Structure formats: structure tokens, C-alpha cells
């Protein structure tokens, strides 16, 4: 098994009415992920997000009952069992972590950022994000100590409704369980296969090869590597980060999460510059695995245009085949300025 960035180039042809029905071609690439083998399609189309009007979304969210606001949180949100969290809820600074009423896994929490109902993207600094992330990590450590059967941990964030959030009030969702989700399972299979066939760690080789190629590598925040995904999962290219020294969220230190937040703030600064005001974040980890390295993605999400359409359609939803309308290499050249 060799670490390679396999690409198949092709094109679609048609008579274009915008060019007097002359023959036109739309080139695209089909890329194969070097770890999982999953494919994705890359286009280079003239797509530029327009700045959405957020005032209506925020105002409507204020008119709907919000259990995360300080006047309702104590009476409207659940408590953890005392054997897991004796104090019922976890509090770190302004953040409060509660059980998730719609649990995605055996142990599922919601880490509410602060008292503020709406936090604009430009205010998402490492300092304003710190408390919620530290509360989520404390929850993960408590679960890891409480239940040795739990083997997987993830830290997730849907920011604003286009990312799937039902609440404008910002919050994280840490999940802990015994069965890995599909993406983590594919990563584990891939890095173990790579180790068997090469005797090397995939993640270390991956970072070094992306540095050598130089087309998608963004930079580092302390020890954390940031790079564009070779096979993006979202309509606009997503950004990856790798923690080369860590395999588990249960053992990460505050300094490392602050390094991650420093990089995340730079990505969000670029999003704000490009009129992208919604995103998903996910960090996946295991309890312990010498071949695995903790890693995450930041996926931009788009507000619906005038017709109200979503930025995901049948390729992603039914064929599980992602496609993106901008090459990650082009985005890398723009985003690198923020690093």
C-alpha cells in the first residue's frame, strides 16, 4: 500500500446556449482518498457565496423558546445521573454542559457556549470558544473513567441552521460510545492496513507528503497540522486538522485544545471573508490506538439561496459521493494567507 493521491480526469460536453450553442466542455476530477479509498468529485465552477441576511434568522430564533438561555436553562434542561456527573451538569467559566435530549450515542452531551443567545462568527475567538470546549473535554474524561467499555469519542459542532443546528444559541455535542461511526471505522481500517503493509504510521507520512507536495498544506498551530482535504466532503472544500501526537480526546491537554482553537479561528476568519456564515466541525478519536491519530474537519455550509435550496443533494445523501465546486488547491492559496 503506497500513499498516493490518485486522480482521474474527465469532462462533460454539451452545446452551450450561453456561447451561441458552441461545443463546450466542463472538466472535473474523480479523486480517491489516500486513507479510506472513498471517492469524491472536484469541479472548478464560478461559484461565489453571497452575504446572507442573518437578522431574520436570529430574530426568529429569539421568538422561539430557547432552553439554552440563562432564564430557562436551569428549569428546562436535564441532569446527568449522579454516578456519572455528581453535580448534574458540568460548568466551566460561562459554559454549561448538559445531557443531550436526542442522544446520538451511549453518552451524549450538549456544551452551551455562554449566556449569549447569538454569537456572530467574527466573535468566535479562541477565548470565547475555550469554555465550551473545555467543558466537553471534561465530560469525555469523566465518561472514559466511568465506563471502560467506551472506545470512541467525538466532539461536534453545528453552527447555525444550514449546518443542521436546531438552535442558534451556540453549542457543542460531545459523543462517547462503544461502536465507531462509519468515517472513524474507515479511518481505523485504513491506518491499520497501511501499518501492516508499510510498517509506518499513515498520519505522519500523510502530513510529510502534503508538506512536500505543497498544494494543500496550510500550516501549523503549535503541533497541530492544518491542510485542505484532498477529497472534500462538502459543497465548498473542507479543511482538515491532524493531532500528530494524540489518539484520544480523553487525554488531550488544555494547551493543545487552545492550539486547535487558534487554527479554527483562522479558518473562521477566512469563512467570514468569503461570506460563509455556517459550518460543521467534528473531531474523531479513540480510547487508545498507536496507529491512529486524532483528526478533525471543518466543513463550510451555505445559507439557502432565494429558492430555498440546500447545499447537499442526491450525490451526498443517497450515493454517499461528495462533490465540491471549487478545487481545494485554489482555496488553499486563499486560506493560507490567514495562517
Protein backbone atom coordinates (compact mmCIF):
# COMPACT_ATOMS: atom_id res chain seq x y z
CA UNK A 1 0.00 0.00 0.00
CA UNK A 2 1.55 3.27 -1.14
CA UNK A 3 0.43 6.71 -0.01
CA UNK A 4 -0.78 8.31 -3.22
CA UNK A 5 -3.18 11.00 -4.36
CA UNK A 6 -4.97 9.16 -7.19
CA UNK A 7 -6.90 11.33 -9.64
CA UNK A 8 -8.95 10.50 -12.73
CA UNK A 9 -9.61 13.46 -15.03
CA UNK A 10 -12.65 13.61 -17.30
CA UNK A 11 -15.09 16.11 -18.82
CA UNK A 12 -18.72 16.55 -19.84
CA UNK A 13 -19.56 18.02 -23.29
CA UNK A 14 -22.63 19.93 -24.47
CA UNK A 15 -23.74 22.72 -26.81
CA UNK A 16 -23.79 25.78 -24.58
CA UNK A 17 -26.64 28.30 -25.14
CA UNK A 18 -24.56 30.94 -23.36
CA UNK A 19 -21.90 30.55 -26.07
CA UNK A 20 -24.17 30.55 -29.13
CA UNK A 21 -24.60 26.78 -28.76
CA UNK A 22 -20.94 26.17 -29.48
CA UNK A 23 -19.46 22.94 -28.18
CA UNK A 24 -18.34 23.40 -24.59
CA UNK A 25 -16.60 21.19 -22.04
CA UNK A 26 -16.79 21.08 -18.25
CA UNK A 27 -13.72 19.32 -16.84
CA UNK A 28 -13.84 17.52 -13.50
CA UNK A 29 -11.76 15.13 -11.39
CA UNK A 30 -12.63 11.96 -9.53
CA UNK A 31 -10.26 11.63 -6.58
CA UNK A 32 -9.63 8.69 -4.25
CA UNK A 33 -8.91 9.34 -0.57
CA UNK A 34 -5.40 8.02 0.24
CA UNK A 35 -6.54 6.50 3.55
CA UNK A 36 -10.10 5.25 3.09
CA UNK A 37 -10.28 4.74 -0.67
CA UNK A 38 -13.55 6.72 -0.81
CA UNK A 39 -14.06 8.81 -3.94
CA UNK A 40 -15.24 12.38 -4.47
CA UNK A 41 -15.71 14.69 -7.43
CA UNK A 42 -14.00 18.04 -7.90
CA UNK A 43 -15.25 20.82 -10.17
CA UNK A 44 -13.96 24.32 -10.78
CA UNK A 45 -17.10 26.38 -11.23
CA UNK A 46 -17.66 30.16 -10.91
CA UNK A 47 -19.36 29.95 -7.53
CA UNK A 48 -19.12 32.78 -5.01
CA UNK A 49 -21.30 32.84 -1.88
CA UNK A 50 -23.32 35.99 -1.32
CA UNK A 51 -23.51 37.50 2.14
CA UNK A 52 -26.76 36.27 3.73
CA UNK A 53 -29.09 38.44 5.77
CA UNK A 54 -28.82 36.87 9.22
CA UNK A 55 -31.09 39.34 11.00
CA UNK A 56 -34.29 37.43 10.19
CA UNK A 57 -32.85 34.08 11.26
CA UNK A 58 -31.55 35.47 14.55
CA UNK A 59 -34.75 37.40 15.29
CA UNK A 60 -36.93 34.37 14.59
CA UNK A 61 -34.75 32.25 16.87
CA UNK A 62 -35.25 34.77 19.68
CA UNK A 63 -39.02 34.48 19.31
CA UNK A 64 -38.87 30.69 19.63
CA UNK A 65 -38.34 29.11 23.03
CA UNK A 66 -34.61 28.58 23.69
CA UNK A 67 -33.76 26.22 26.57
CA UNK A 68 -30.10 27.29 26.47
CA UNK A 69 -30.66 30.90 27.51
CA UNK A 70 -29.93 31.65 31.19
CA UNK A 71 -33.54 32.41 32.16
CA UNK A 72 -34.71 28.93 31.07
CA UNK A 73 -31.63 26.68 31.31
CA UNK A 74 -31.99 25.57 34.94
CA UNK A 75 -35.65 24.52 34.67
CA UNK A 76 -35.74 23.29 31.07
CA UNK A 77 -32.63 21.15 30.64
CA UNK A 78 -31.93 17.66 32.04
CA UNK A 79 -29.38 16.50 34.60
CA UNK A 80 -26.87 13.66 34.34
CA UNK A 81 -27.17 10.64 36.65
CA UNK A 82 -25.23 11.22 39.86
CA UNK A 83 -22.98 8.20 39.31
CA UNK A 84 -21.64 9.88 36.14
CA UNK A 85 -21.78 13.61 36.95
CA UNK A 86 -22.46 14.08 40.68
CA UNK A 87 -23.17 17.79 40.22
CA UNK A 88 -25.76 17.08 37.50
CA UNK A 89 -24.26 19.50 34.99
CA UNK A 90 -20.68 20.49 34.16
CA UNK A 91 -19.76 24.18 34.31
CA UNK A 92 -16.56 25.76 33.04
CA UNK A 93 -16.49 29.55 33.04
CA UNK A 94 -19.57 30.69 31.10
CA UNK A 95 -20.16 27.27 29.54
CA UNK A 96 -22.66 24.70 30.82
CA UNK A 97 -22.72 21.07 29.69
CA UNK A 98 -25.97 19.11 29.96
CA UNK A 99 -27.26 15.76 28.67
CA UNK A 100 -28.47 15.69 25.08
CA UNK A 101 -32.21 15.03 24.92
CA UNK A 102 -31.66 13.47 21.49
CA UNK A 103 -28.61 11.32 22.26
CA UNK A 104 -26.54 10.19 19.29
CA UNK A 105 -24.59 7.67 21.34
CA UNK A 106 -24.49 5.95 24.74
CA UNK A 107 -23.13 9.10 26.38
CA UNK A 108 -24.12 12.35 24.71
CA UNK A 109 -23.77 15.89 25.94
CA UNK A 110 -24.52 19.45 24.87
CA UNK A 111 -21.94 22.07 25.79
CA UNK A 112 -23.59 25.51 25.74
CA UNK A 113 -21.09 28.26 24.97
CA UNK A 114 -22.30 31.11 27.15
CA UNK A 115 -25.27 33.23 28.15
CA UNK A 116 -25.31 34.90 24.71
CA UNK A 117 -28.11 33.61 22.50
CA UNK A 118 -26.29 34.52 19.29
CA UNK A 119 -22.54 34.74 18.86
CA UNK A 120 -21.55 36.14 15.43
CA UNK A 121 -18.77 34.33 13.62
CA UNK A 122 -16.40 37.26 13.98
CA UNK A 123 -16.71 36.91 17.78
CA UNK A 124 -15.68 33.22 17.76
CA UNK A 125 -12.17 33.76 19.08
CA UNK A 126 -10.11 31.09 20.87
CA UNK A 127 -11.02 32.77 24.14
CA UNK A 128 -14.80 32.81 23.53
CA UNK A 129 -14.72 29.16 22.40
CA UNK A 130 -12.48 27.88 25.18
CA UNK A 131 -15.02 27.27 27.97
CA UNK A 132 -17.40 25.17 25.87
CA UNK A 133 -14.56 23.01 24.51
CA UNK A 134 -13.04 22.51 27.96
CA UNK A 135 -16.44 21.51 29.38
CA UNK A 136 -16.83 18.97 26.56
CA UNK A 137 -13.36 17.54 27.20
CA UNK A 138 -14.09 17.28 30.92
CA UNK A 139 -17.26 15.34 30.07
CA UNK A 140 -15.31 12.98 27.79
CA UNK A 141 -12.74 12.35 30.52
CA UNK A 142 -15.48 11.63 33.05
CA UNK A 143 -17.09 9.12 30.68
CA UNK A 144 -13.74 7.45 29.91
CA UNK A 145 -13.07 6.99 33.64
CA UNK A 146 -16.63 5.85 34.34
CA UNK A 147 -17.11 3.25 31.59
CA UNK A 148 -14.13 1.24 30.29
CA UNK A 149 -16.28 -0.25 27.51
CA UNK A 150 -16.43 3.11 25.73
CA UNK A 151 -13.86 3.12 22.94
CA UNK A 152 -14.73 6.09 20.70
CA UNK A 153 -15.13 9.80 21.33
CA UNK A 154 -16.13 12.68 19.08
CA UNK A 155 -16.58 16.40 19.51
CA UNK A 156 -19.06 18.01 17.11
CA UNK A 157 -20.44 21.45 16.28
CA UNK A 158 -23.29 22.58 14.02
CA UNK A 159 -23.07 26.37 13.75
CA UNK A 160 -26.30 27.98 12.52
CA UNK A 161 -29.28 26.27 10.82
CA UNK A 162 -27.66 25.45 7.42
CA UNK A 163 -25.26 23.18 9.34
CA UNK A 164 -28.20 21.27 10.83
CA UNK A 165 -28.45 23.15 14.11
CA UNK A 166 -31.94 23.48 15.52
CA UNK A 167 -30.66 26.20 17.88
CA UNK A 168 -28.94 29.48 17.03
CA UNK A 169 -27.60 29.53 20.61
CA UNK A 170 -24.09 28.06 20.01
CA UNK A 171 -23.37 24.65 21.47
CA UNK A 172 -21.08 21.63 21.00
CA UNK A 173 -22.11 17.99 21.05
CA UNK A 174 -19.61 15.52 22.55
CA UNK A 175 -20.47 11.84 21.97
CA UNK A 176 -18.93 8.73 23.54
CA UNK A 177 -19.72 5.13 22.66
CA UNK A 178 -18.60 1.59 22.01
CA UNK A 179 -19.13 1.39 18.22
CA UNK A 180 -17.22 3.74 15.88
CA UNK A 181 -19.17 5.78 13.34
CA UNK A 182 -18.59 4.99 9.68
CA UNK A 183 -15.95 7.63 8.97
CA UNK A 184 -13.90 6.68 12.03
CA UNK A 185 -14.25 2.97 11.20
CA UNK A 186 -12.97 3.61 7.65
CA UNK A 187 -10.04 5.60 9.04
CA UNK A 188 -9.13 2.86 11.52
CA UNK A 189 -9.29 0.19 8.81
CA UNK A 190 -7.13 2.33 6.54
CA UNK A 191 -4.38 3.23 9.00
CA UNK A 192 -4.11 -0.36 10.30
CA UNK A 193 -3.84 -1.67 6.73
CA UNK A 194 -1.20 0.96 5.98
CA UNK A 195 0.80 -0.07 9.07
CA UNK A 196 0.64 -3.76 8.13
CA UNK A 197 1.80 -3.15 4.58
CA UNK A 198 4.43 -0.46 5.17
CA UNK A 199 5.40 -0.72 8.83
CA UNK A 200 4.81 3.02 9.11
CA UNK A 201 2.25 5.40 10.62
CA UNK A 202 -0.10 6.75 7.95
CA UNK A 203 -0.72 10.09 9.65
CA UNK A 204 2.94 11.01 9.92
CA UNK A 205 3.56 10.05 6.30
CA UNK A 206 0.43 11.89 5.20
CA UNK A 207 1.50 15.17 6.81
CA UNK A 208 5.02 14.92 5.43
CA UNK A 209 3.79 14.10 1.92
CA UNK A 210 1.33 17.01 1.91
CA UNK A 211 4.14 19.30 3.07
CA UNK A 212 6.30 18.02 0.23
CA UNK A 213 3.57 18.43 -2.42
CA UNK A 214 2.76 21.91 -1.07
CA UNK A 215 -0.60 22.31 -2.82
CA UNK A 216 -2.94 21.73 0.14
CA UNK A 217 -0.81 22.23 3.26
CA UNK A 218 -1.85 25.33 5.21
CA UNK A 219 0.47 25.38 8.20
CA UNK A 220 0.61 24.54 11.89
CA UNK A 221 -0.72 25.91 15.13
CA UNK A 222 1.91 24.66 17.53
CA UNK A 223 1.90 20.88 16.97
CA UNK A 224 -1.39 20.64 15.03
CA UNK A 225 -1.22 20.35 11.23
CA UNK A 226 -3.83 22.09 9.05
CA UNK A 227 -4.46 21.20 5.41
CA UNK A 228 -7.14 21.15 2.76
CA UNK A 229 -8.87 17.81 2.28
CA UNK A 230 -7.75 16.01 -0.89
CA UNK A 231 -11.31 14.63 -1.23
CA UNK A 232 -13.63 17.25 0.29
CA UNK A 233 -16.88 16.13 1.91
CA UNK A 234 -18.74 19.39 1.40
CA UNK A 235 -20.03 21.58 -1.45
CA UNK A 236 -17.19 24.02 -0.78
CA UNK A 237 -13.87 22.40 0.18
CA UNK A 238 -13.42 21.45 3.82
CA UNK A 239 -10.35 21.85 5.99
CA UNK A 240 -8.64 19.05 7.91
CA UNK A 241 -6.52 19.11 11.03
CA UNK A 242 -4.36 16.31 12.45
CA UNK A 243 -3.05 15.99 16.01
CA UNK A 244 0.16 14.02 15.25
CA UNK A 245 0.88 13.29 18.93
CA UNK A 246 -2.59 12.28 20.10
CA UNK A 247 -5.02 9.43 19.55
CA UNK A 248 -7.65 10.32 22.16
CA UNK A 249 -9.79 13.28 23.22
CA UNK A 250 -9.79 11.71 26.69
CA UNK A 251 -6.14 12.62 27.17
CA UNK A 252 -5.73 15.94 25.39
CA UNK A 253 -4.44 18.90 27.39
CA UNK A 254 -5.82 22.44 27.51
CA UNK A 255 -2.78 23.85 25.69
CA UNK A 256 -3.46 21.53 22.76
CA UNK A 257 -7.13 22.40 22.51
CA UNK A 258 -6.19 26.08 22.57
CA UNK A 259 -3.80 25.40 19.68
CA UNK A 260 -6.70 23.80 17.83
CA UNK A 261 -8.95 26.79 18.56
CA UNK A 262 -6.23 29.14 17.31
CA UNK A 263 -6.29 27.36 13.96
CA UNK A 264 -10.07 27.10 13.91
CA UNK A 265 -10.35 30.87 14.48
CA UNK A 266 -8.14 31.44 11.42
CA UNK A 267 -10.37 29.20 9.32
CA UNK A 268 -13.46 31.04 10.54
CA UNK A 269 -11.77 34.34 9.71
CA UNK A 270 -11.43 33.11 6.14
CA UNK A 271 -15.07 31.96 6.11
CA UNK A 272 -16.18 35.40 7.25
CA UNK A 273 -14.05 36.94 4.49
CA UNK A 274 -15.74 34.68 1.92
CA UNK A 275 -19.33 35.28 3.16
CA UNK A 276 -19.64 31.79 4.67
CA UNK A 277 -21.62 32.04 7.92
CA UNK A 278 -22.37 28.42 8.78
CA UNK A 279 -20.19 25.34 9.28
CA UNK A 280 -19.80 21.88 10.80
CA UNK A 281 -16.85 20.82 12.95
CA UNK A 282 -16.06 17.28 14.02
CA UNK A 283 -13.06 15.79 15.82
CA UNK A 284 -12.85 11.99 16.00
CA UNK A 285 -10.78 9.91 18.39
CA UNK A 286 -10.44 6.53 20.06
CA UNK A 287 -9.53 5.50 23.60
CA UNK A 288 -6.11 4.20 22.56
CA UNK A 289 -4.59 3.06 19.27
CA UNK A 290 -0.93 3.52 18.36
CA UNK A 291 -1.68 3.64 14.62
CA UNK A 292 -4.48 6.22 14.85
CA UNK A 293 -4.14 9.97 15.24
CA UNK A 294 -6.89 12.30 16.33
CA UNK A 295 -8.15 14.38 13.44
CA UNK A 296 -10.96 16.72 12.52
CA UNK A 297 -12.72 18.54 9.71
CA UNK A 298 -14.26 21.97 9.33
CA UNK A 299 -16.93 21.94 6.61
CA UNK A 300 -18.41 25.19 5.28
CA UNK A 301 -22.19 25.19 4.89
CA UNK A 302 -24.26 27.61 2.84
CA UNK A 303 -27.41 29.54 3.63
CA UNK A 304 -30.19 28.72 1.13
CA UNK A 305 -30.42 30.96 -1.89
CA UNK A 306 -33.66 32.67 -2.98
CA UNK A 307 -35.27 29.38 -3.99
CA UNK A 308 -34.50 27.92 -0.55
CA UNK A 309 -32.34 25.03 -1.77
CA UNK A 310 -29.90 23.04 0.36
CA UNK A 311 -26.19 22.70 -0.38
CA UNK A 312 -26.42 18.89 -0.30
CA UNK A 313 -28.40 16.83 -2.79
CA UNK A 314 -28.74 13.26 -4.10
CA UNK A 315 -24.98 12.58 -4.67
CA UNK A 316 -24.16 13.09 -0.99
CA UNK A 317 -27.47 11.97 0.54
CA UNK A 318 -28.08 8.80 -1.47
CA UNK A 319 -24.89 7.86 -3.34
CA UNK A 320 -22.58 8.94 -0.48
CA UNK A 321 -20.41 10.56 -3.14
CA UNK A 322 -19.28 14.07 -2.16
CA UNK A 323 -18.64 16.75 -4.72
CA UNK A 324 -17.22 20.24 -4.43
CA UNK A 325 -17.43 23.18 -6.83
CA UNK A 326 -14.01 24.64 -6.04
CA UNK A 327 -10.69 22.79 -6.09
CA UNK A 328 -9.14 22.60 -2.61
CA UNK A 329 -5.80 23.71 -4.07
CA UNK A 330 -7.31 27.07 -5.09
CA UNK A 331 -8.89 27.55 -1.68
CA UNK A 332 -5.56 26.66 -0.06
CA UNK A 333 -3.86 29.59 -1.75
CA UNK A 334 -6.51 31.94 -0.34
CA UNK A 335 -6.77 30.42 3.14
CA UNK A 336 -3.02 30.15 3.63
CA UNK A 337 -2.91 33.94 3.99
CA UNK A 338 -4.85 33.53 7.25
CA UNK A 339 -2.19 31.17 8.60
